[in-house]
Amino acid sequence: MGEVRTKATIANPLTGEKLELDALVDTGAVMPLIGRDIANKLALATVRRAIVTLADDSNQEMDVVGPARFEIGDRVAHTDCLVGPDLVEPLIGQVLLESLDLIVDCPRKQLLPRPESPAYPSYKLK
């Protein structure tokens, strides 16, 4: 099937500082993950700690920072991020995919707007 990667911009909405990321889209991840180096460059504040279950089923405590502003294409969302070690590969998880109303097109290895909401995100409130 292969991996899906995307270009994303992450910013600190409180300072305006921003960085371009090449991120792996991970549909098995819930929250986005960034490295400590990125969190420090953007001066994102630690808001809490969380216990995270990794792919090998081990648990690890991680800082959660935020708020962070993510842009993928013409879509924007604000969310908190898990923080891994310096230079860890950034991950885009389900929270961002849902917030941005994007779907993963595995054969084409890209993110696309849902066909029902091509112009901007659509949410259910029922």
Protein backbone atom coordinates (compact mmCIF):
# COMPACT_ATOMS: atom_id res chain seq x y z
CA MET A 1 0.00 0.00 0.00
CA GLY A 2 2.86 2.42 0.74
CA GLU A 3 3.03 5.45 2.93
CA VAL A 4 1.17 8.71 2.51
CA ARG A 5 3.09 11.89 3.21
CA THR A 6 1.95 15.49 3.14
CA LYS A 7 3.35 18.99 3.32
CA ALA A 8 1.96 20.88 6.29
CA THR A 9 2.58 24.21 7.94
CA ILE A 10 2.61 24.26 11.72
CA ALA A 11 2.46 27.56 13.58
CA ASN A 12 2.17 29.00 17.03
CA PRO A 13 -0.98 31.14 16.72
CA LEU A 14 0.10 33.21 19.73
CA THR A 15 3.44 34.31 18.22
CA GLY A 16 2.99 33.84 14.48
CA GLU A 17 6.13 31.67 14.24
CA LYS A 18 5.70 28.89 11.67
CA LEU A 19 7.55 25.99 10.04
CA GLU A 20 7.00 23.83 6.98
CA LEU A 21 6.82 20.09 7.68
CA ASP A 22 7.01 16.95 5.61
CA ALA A 23 4.78 14.68 7.71
CA LEU A 24 3.74 11.05 7.60
CA VAL A 25 -0.01 10.50 7.62
CA ASP A 26 -0.69 7.82 10.22
CA THR A 27 -4.32 6.69 10.38
CA GLY A 28 -3.45 4.58 13.43
CA ALA A 29 -2.36 7.65 15.40
CA VAL A 30 -4.89 9.79 17.23
CA MET A 31 -2.98 13.03 17.84
CA PRO A 32 -0.32 14.76 15.77
CA LEU A 33 3.28 14.18 16.86
CA ILE A 34 6.14 16.65 16.54
CA GLY A 35 9.70 16.63 17.81
CA ARG A 36 10.93 18.59 20.81
CA ASP A 37 13.06 20.65 18.39
CA ILE A 38 9.93 21.84 16.53
CA ALA A 39 8.02 22.55 19.75
CA ASN A 40 10.96 24.62 21.01
CA LYS A 41 11.43 26.55 17.74
CA LEU A 42 7.74 27.51 17.79
CA ALA A 43 7.73 28.17 21.55
CA LEU A 44 4.67 25.94 21.99
CA ALA A 45 3.75 25.70 25.66
CA THR A 46 3.43 22.37 27.45
CA VAL A 47 -0.22 22.11 28.51
CA ARG A 48 -0.21 18.63 30.07
CA ARG A 49 1.33 15.14 29.97
CA ALA A 50 -0.21 12.03 28.46
CA ILE A 51 0.47 8.31 28.43
CA VAL A 52 0.87 7.18 24.84
CA THR A 53 0.71 3.61 23.52
CA LEU A 54 3.34 3.16 20.80
CA ALA A 55 3.26 0.82 17.79
CA ASP A 56 5.13 -1.86 19.75
CA ASP A 57 2.40 -1.71 22.46
CA SER A 58 4.75 -0.12 24.99
CA ASN A 59 3.57 2.93 26.95
CA GLN A 60 5.47 6.18 27.26
CA GLU A 61 4.76 9.50 28.95
CA MET A 62 4.90 12.46 26.57
CA ASP A 63 4.38 16.18 26.83
CA VAL A 64 1.39 17.69 25.07
CA VAL A 65 1.93 21.19 23.68
CA GLY A 66 -0.42 23.70 22.17
CA PRO A 67 -2.23 25.34 20.76
CA ALA A 68 -0.75 24.64 17.32
CA ARG A 69 -2.18 25.83 14.01
CA PHE A 70 -1.91 23.34 11.16
CA GLU A 71 -2.44 24.13 7.49
CA ILE A 72 -2.69 21.36 4.92
CA GLY A 73 -3.60 22.69 1.50
CA ASP A 74 -6.26 25.35 2.01
CA ARG A 75 -7.58 23.84 5.25
CA VAL A 76 -6.71 25.03 8.76
CA ALA A 77 -7.16 23.48 12.21
CA HIS A 78 -5.98 24.26 15.74
CA THR A 79 -5.03 21.38 18.03
CA ASP A 80 -2.61 20.17 20.68
CA CYS A 81 0.36 17.93 19.72
CA LEU A 82 2.27 15.13 21.35
CA VAL A 83 5.99 15.83 21.66
CA GLY A 84 8.61 13.20 20.88
CA PRO A 85 12.40 13.48 20.89
CA ASP A 86 14.34 15.91 18.69
CA LEU A 87 14.15 15.11 14.96
CA VAL A 88 11.31 12.60 15.34
CA GLU A 89 9.30 12.19 12.14
CA PRO A 90 6.18 14.40 12.34
CA LEU A 91 2.91 12.45 12.23
CA ILE A 92 -0.55 13.58 11.17
CA GLY A 93 -3.17 11.56 13.08
CA GLN A 94 -6.94 11.21 13.13
CA VAL A 95 -7.64 14.40 15.12
CA LEU A 96 -6.24 16.53 12.30
CA LEU A 97 -7.73 14.41 9.52
CA GLU A 98 -11.18 14.75 11.10
CA SER A 99 -10.77 18.45 11.88
CA LEU A 100 -9.65 19.20 8.34
CA ASP A 101 -12.23 16.79 6.86
CA LEU A 102 -9.58 15.03 4.77
CA ILE A 103 -9.46 11.42 3.59
CA VAL A 104 -6.44 9.30 2.77
CA ASP A 105 -6.23 8.17 -0.87
CA CYS A 106 -3.80 5.25 -0.51
CA PRO A 107 -3.52 4.31 -4.21
CA ARG A 108 -2.52 7.89 -5.11
CA LYS A 109 -0.61 8.40 -1.83
CA GLN A 110 -2.25 11.72 -1.01
CA LEU A 111 -4.76 13.49 1.19
CA LEU A 112 -7.97 14.70 -0.41
CA PRO A 113 -11.03 16.61 0.74
CA ARG A 114 -14.03 14.36 1.22
CA PRO A 115 -16.11 14.39 -1.98
CA GLU A 116 -19.11 15.64 0.04
CA SER A 117 -17.16 18.71 1.18
CA PRO A 118 -14.71 19.75 -1.55
CA ALA A 119 -14.69 23.49 -0.76
CA TYR A 120 -14.34 23.47 3.04
CA PRO A 121 -14.74 21.09 5.99
CA SER A 122 -18.15 19.72 6.86
CA TYR A 123 -19.04 18.51 10.37
CA LYS A 124 -21.92 16.52 11.88
CA LEU A 125 -23.75 17.81 14.94
CA LYS A 126 -26.29 15.10 15.55
